[in-house]
């Protein structure tokens, strides 16, 4: 009976160790998959940072163009209002 107990314990120990090895292999595979996924995410993050920088520059250029167009519009309005005031005063004098 004692030999059976020892053999059973050795068999159980061998079974547990083999299961641990199997779990370790699965964990390693999952770890490698996760590492690959993280590498992809880091790459994608870099691409997104570049895109943000491009859009920031484009936004600054558009703001500058918008300000320039506003100044041009104000200049044209002030010239028109001076002409119309001048035109009105000369026509009312007749």
N, C-alpha and C. Protein backbone atom coordinates (compact mmCIF):
# COMPACT_ATOMS: atom_id res chain seq x y z
N UNK A 1 0.82 -1.18 0.00
CA UNK A 1 0.00 0.00 0.00
C UNK A 1 0.86 1.25 0.00
N UNK A 2 1.94 1.16 0.73
CA UNK A 2 2.83 2.30 0.82
C UNK A 2 3.47 2.61 -0.52
N UNK A 3 3.81 1.59 -1.30
CA UNK A 3 4.40 1.79 -2.63
C UNK A 3 3.36 2.44 -3.55
N UNK A 4 2.12 2.03 -3.42
CA UNK A 4 1.06 2.62 -4.24
C UNK A 4 0.89 4.10 -3.93
N UNK A 5 0.97 4.47 -2.67
CA UNK A 5 0.83 5.86 -2.25
C UNK A 5 1.97 6.69 -2.81
N UNK A 6 3.18 6.17 -2.70
CA UNK A 6 4.35 6.88 -3.21
C UNK A 6 4.25 7.01 -4.72
N UNK A 7 3.86 5.94 -5.40
CA UNK A 7 3.72 5.98 -6.86
C UNK A 7 2.61 6.95 -7.26
N UNK A 8 1.54 6.93 -6.50
CA UNK A 8 0.44 7.86 -6.79
C UNK A 8 0.89 9.30 -6.61
N UNK A 9 1.64 9.56 -5.55
CA UNK A 9 2.16 10.91 -5.32
C UNK A 9 3.12 11.33 -6.43
N UNK A 10 3.99 10.41 -6.85
CA UNK A 10 4.93 10.72 -7.93
C UNK A 10 4.18 10.97 -9.24
N UNK A 11 3.18 10.15 -9.50
CA UNK A 11 2.38 10.33 -10.70
C UNK A 11 1.65 11.68 -10.66
N UNK A 12 1.07 12.00 -9.51
CA UNK A 12 0.37 13.28 -9.35
C UNK A 12 1.33 14.44 -9.52
N UNK A 13 2.52 14.31 -8.94
CA UNK A 13 3.54 15.36 -9.07
C UNK A 13 3.94 15.54 -10.53
N UNK A 14 4.14 14.43 -11.25
CA UNK A 14 4.51 14.49 -12.66
C UNK A 14 3.38 15.14 -13.47
N UNK A 15 2.15 14.80 -13.13
CA UNK A 15 1.00 15.37 -13.82
C UNK A 15 0.91 16.87 -13.58
N UNK A 16 1.09 17.27 -12.32
CA UNK A 16 1.04 18.70 -11.97
C UNK A 16 2.15 19.46 -12.68
N UNK A 17 3.35 18.91 -12.68
CA UNK A 17 4.47 19.59 -13.34
C UNK A 17 4.23 19.71 -14.84
N UNK A 18 3.67 18.67 -15.45
CA UNK A 18 3.41 18.75 -16.89
C UNK A 18 2.32 19.78 -17.17
N UNK A 19 1.32 19.86 -16.30
CA UNK A 19 0.27 20.87 -16.46
C UNK A 19 0.83 22.27 -16.29
N UNK A 20 1.74 22.43 -15.35
CA UNK A 20 2.36 23.74 -15.15
C UNK A 20 3.16 24.13 -16.38
N UNK A 21 3.85 23.16 -16.97
CA UNK A 21 4.61 23.43 -18.19
C UNK A 21 3.70 23.83 -19.33
N UNK A 22 2.55 23.19 -19.41
CA UNK A 22 1.58 23.52 -20.45
C UNK A 22 1.03 24.93 -20.23
N UNK A 23 0.70 25.24 -19.01
CA UNK A 23 0.21 26.58 -18.69
C UNK A 23 1.28 27.62 -18.96
N UNK A 24 2.53 27.28 -18.65
CA UNK A 24 3.63 28.20 -18.89
C UNK A 24 3.76 28.47 -20.38
N UNK A 25 3.59 27.44 -21.20
CA UNK A 25 3.68 27.62 -22.65
C UNK A 25 2.55 28.51 -23.13
N UNK A 26 1.35 28.29 -22.62
CA UNK A 26 0.22 29.13 -23.00
C UNK A 26 0.46 30.57 -22.57
N UNK A 27 0.99 30.74 -21.38
CA UNK A 27 1.26 32.09 -20.89
C UNK A 27 2.31 32.77 -21.75
N UNK A 28 3.32 32.02 -22.17
CA UNK A 28 4.35 32.59 -23.04
C UNK A 28 3.76 33.01 -24.38
N UNK A 29 2.92 32.14 -24.93
CA UNK A 29 2.30 32.47 -26.22
C UNK A 29 1.43 33.72 -26.10
N UNK A 30 0.65 33.78 -25.03
CA UNK A 30 -0.19 34.95 -24.81
C UNK A 30 0.67 36.19 -24.61
N UNK A 31 1.77 36.03 -23.89
CA UNK A 31 2.69 37.15 -23.65
C UNK A 31 3.27 37.66 -24.98
N UNK A 32 3.64 36.76 -25.85
CA UNK A 32 4.19 37.16 -27.15
C UNK A 32 3.13 37.87 -28.00
N UNK A 33 1.90 37.36 -27.94
CA UNK A 33 0.81 38.01 -28.67
C UNK A 33 0.58 39.42 -28.13
N UNK A 34 0.60 39.55 -26.83
CA UNK A 34 0.39 40.86 -26.22
C UNK A 34 1.53 41.82 -26.56
N UNK A 35 2.75 41.31 -26.58
CA UNK A 35 3.88 42.15 -26.96
C UNK A 35 3.73 42.66 -28.40
N UNK A 36 3.30 41.77 -29.28
CA UNK A 36 3.10 42.17 -30.68
C UNK A 36 1.98 43.21 -30.78
N UNK A 37 0.93 43.01 -30.01
CA UNK A 37 -0.18 43.97 -30.02
C UNK A 37 0.27 45.33 -29.48
N UNK A 38 1.05 45.32 -28.42
CA UNK A 38 1.57 46.58 -27.85
C UNK A 38 2.46 47.28 -28.86
N UNK A 39 3.29 46.52 -29.56
CA UNK A 39 4.16 47.12 -30.58
C UNK A 39 3.33 47.78 -31.68
N UNK A 40 2.25 47.11 -32.09
CA UNK A 40 1.35 47.70 -33.10
C UNK A 40 0.71 48.99 -32.57
N UNK A 41 0.29 48.96 -31.32
CA UNK A 41 -0.34 50.15 -30.73
C UNK A 41 0.65 51.30 -30.60
N UNK A 42 1.89 50.99 -30.27
CA UNK A 42 2.91 52.04 -30.17
C UNK A 42 3.16 52.65 -31.55
N UNK A 43 3.21 51.80 -32.55
CA UNK A 43 3.40 52.27 -33.92
C UNK A 43 2.23 53.16 -34.34
N UNK A 44 1.02 52.71 -34.05
CA UNK A 44 -0.17 53.47 -34.38
C UNK A 44 -0.20 54.80 -33.62
N UNK A 45 0.25 54.77 -32.36
CA UNK A 45 0.32 55.99 -31.56
C UNK A 45 1.28 57.00 -32.17
N UNK A 46 2.41 56.53 -32.66
CA UNK A 46 3.36 57.42 -33.33
C UNK A 46 2.77 58.04 -34.58
N UNK A 47 2.05 57.23 -35.35
CA UNK A 47 1.41 57.74 -36.56
C UNK A 47 0.36 58.79 -36.21
N UNK A 48 -0.38 58.54 -35.13
CA UNK A 48 -1.40 59.50 -34.71
C UNK A 48 -0.76 60.80 -34.22
N UNK A 49 0.36 60.71 -33.54
CA UNK A 49 1.06 61.92 -33.09
C UNK A 49 1.51 62.74 -34.29
N UNK A 50 2.01 62.06 -35.31
CA UNK A 50 2.41 62.76 -36.53
C UNK A 50 1.22 63.45 -37.18
N UNK A 51 0.10 62.76 -37.21
CA UNK A 51 -1.11 63.33 -37.81
C UNK A 51 -1.59 64.55 -37.03
N UNK A 52 -1.51 64.47 -35.71
CA UNK A 52 -1.90 65.62 -34.87
C UNK A 52 -1.00 66.81 -35.17
N UNK A 53 0.29 66.56 -35.31
CA UNK A 53 1.22 67.65 -35.62
C UNK A 53 0.88 68.28 -36.97
N UNK A 54 0.58 67.44 -37.97
CA UNK A 54 0.21 67.96 -39.29
C UNK A 54 -1.06 68.81 -39.21
N UNK A 55 -2.05 68.29 -38.49
CA UNK A 55 -3.32 69.02 -38.39
C UNK A 55 -3.15 70.32 -37.61
N UNK A 56 -2.26 70.34 -36.62
CA UNK A 56 -2.00 71.55 -35.86
C UNK A 56 -1.39 72.62 -36.77
N UNK A 57 -0.45 72.21 -37.60
CA UNK A 57 0.17 73.16 -38.54
C UNK A 57 -0.86 73.66 -39.55
N UNK A 58 -1.67 72.75 -40.04
CA UNK A 58 -2.71 73.15 -41.01
C UNK A 58 -3.71 74.11 -40.36
N UNK A 59 -4.06 73.85 -39.12
CA UNK A 59 -4.98 74.71 -38.39
C UNK A 59 -4.38 76.11 -38.22
N UNK A 60 -3.11 76.18 -37.88
CA UNK A 60 -2.46 77.48 -37.71
C UNK A 60 -2.44 78.25 -39.03
N UNK A 61 -2.17 77.55 -40.11
CA UNK A 61 -2.15 78.21 -41.42
C UNK A 61 -3.55 78.72 -41.80
N UNK A 62 -4.57 77.92 -41.50
CA UNK A 62 -5.94 78.34 -41.81
C UNK A 62 -6.37 79.52 -40.94
N UNK A 63 -5.95 79.54 -39.70
CA UNK A 63 -6.27 80.69 -38.83
C UNK A 63 -5.62 81.95 -39.37
N UNK A 64 -4.38 81.83 -39.80
CA UNK A 64 -3.67 82.98 -40.35
C UNK A 64 -4.37 83.49 -41.62
N UNK A 65 -4.76 82.55 -42.47
CA UNK A 65 -5.47 82.93 -43.70
C UNK A 65 -6.81 83.58 -43.37
N UNK A 66 -7.50 83.04 -42.38
CA UNK A 66 -8.79 83.59 -41.96
C UNK A 66 -8.62 85.03 -41.44
N UNK A 67 -7.62 85.24 -40.62
CA UNK A 67 -7.36 86.59 -40.11
C UNK A 67 -7.05 87.56 -41.25
N UNK A 68 -6.27 87.10 -42.21
CA UNK A 68 -5.93 87.94 -43.35
C UNK A 68 -7.19 88.29 -44.15
N UNK A 69 -8.06 87.31 -44.35
CA UNK A 69 -9.30 87.57 -45.08
C UNK A 69 -10.22 88.52 -44.31
N UNK A 70 -10.23 88.42 -43.00
CA UNK A 70 -11.04 89.34 -42.19
C UNK A 70 -10.51 90.77 -42.33
N UNK A 71 -9.19 90.91 -42.30
CA UNK A 71 -8.60 92.25 -42.46
C UNK A 71 -8.93 92.82 -43.84
N UNK A 72 -8.87 91.98 -44.86
CA UNK A 72 -9.19 92.42 -46.21
C UNK A 72 -10.65 92.83 -46.30
N UNK A 73 -11.52 92.07 -45.67
CA UNK A 73 -12.95 92.38 -45.69
C UNK A 73 -13.22 93.70 -44.97
N UNK A 74 -12.55 93.95 -43.85
CA UNK A 74 -12.73 95.21 -43.12
C UNK A 74 -12.26 96.38 -43.97
N UNK A 75 -11.15 96.20 -44.64
CA UNK A 75 -10.60 97.27 -45.49
C UNK A 75 -11.58 97.60 -46.61
N UNK A 76 -12.15 96.59 -47.22
CA UNK A 76 -13.11 96.81 -48.31
C UNK A 76 -14.38 97.48 -47.78
N UNK A 77 -14.83 97.08 -46.60
CA UNK A 77 -16.04 97.68 -46.02
C UNK A 77 -15.80 99.16 -45.71
N UNK A 78 -14.65 99.44 -45.12
CA UNK A 78 -14.38 100.84 -44.76
C UNK A 78 -14.26 101.70 -46.02
N UNK A 79 -13.70 101.19 -47.09
CA UNK A 79 -13.60 101.94 -48.35
C UNK A 79 -14.98 102.16 -48.94
N UNK A 80 -15.84 101.13 -48.88
CA UNK A 80 -17.20 101.27 -49.41
C UNK A 80 -18.00 102.26 -48.60
N UNK A 81 -17.88 102.20 -47.29
CA UNK A 81 -18.66 103.12 -46.45
C UNK A 81 -18.19 104.56 -46.66
N UNK A 82 -16.91 104.79 -46.87
CA UNK A 82 -16.43 106.15 -47.15
C UNK A 82 -16.97 106.65 -48.48
N UNK A 83 -16.98 105.75 -49.48
CA UNK A 83 -17.48 106.15 -50.79
C UNK A 83 -18.97 106.44 -50.72
N UNK A 84 -19.72 105.62 -50.03
CA UNK A 84 -21.16 105.82 -49.97
C UNK A 84 -21.50 107.07 -49.17
N UNK A 85 -20.77 107.36 -48.11
CA UNK A 85 -21.01 108.58 -47.34
C UNK A 85 -20.68 109.80 -48.20
N UNK A 86 -19.59 109.72 -48.91
CA UNK A 86 -19.18 110.81 -49.77
C UNK A 86 -20.19 111.00 -50.89
N UNK A 87 -20.65 109.93 -51.43
CA UNK A 87 -21.61 109.97 -52.52
C UNK A 87 -22.94 110.55 -52.04
N UNK A 88 -23.36 110.18 -50.87
CA UNK A 88 -24.62 110.69 -50.33
C UNK A 88 -24.55 112.18 -50.07
N UNK A 89 -23.45 112.63 -49.51
CA UNK A 89 -23.36 114.05 -49.18
C UNK A 89 -23.34 114.90 -50.45
N UNK A 90 -22.76 114.42 -51.52
CA UNK A 90 -22.73 115.21 -52.75
C UNK A 90 -24.09 115.21 -53.42
N UNK A 91 -24.85 114.15 -53.30
CA UNK A 91 -26.17 114.11 -53.93
C UNK A 91 -27.18 114.91 -53.14
N UNK A 92 -27.02 115.00 -51.82
CA UNK A 92 -27.96 115.77 -51.01
C UNK A 92 -27.69 117.26 -51.15
N UNK A 93 -26.52 117.63 -51.61
CA UNK A 93 -26.16 119.03 -51.78
C UNK A 93 -26.78 119.62 -53.02
N UNK A 94 -27.27 118.83 -53.92
CA UNK A 94 -27.86 119.35 -55.16
C UNK A 94 -29.19 119.87 -54.96
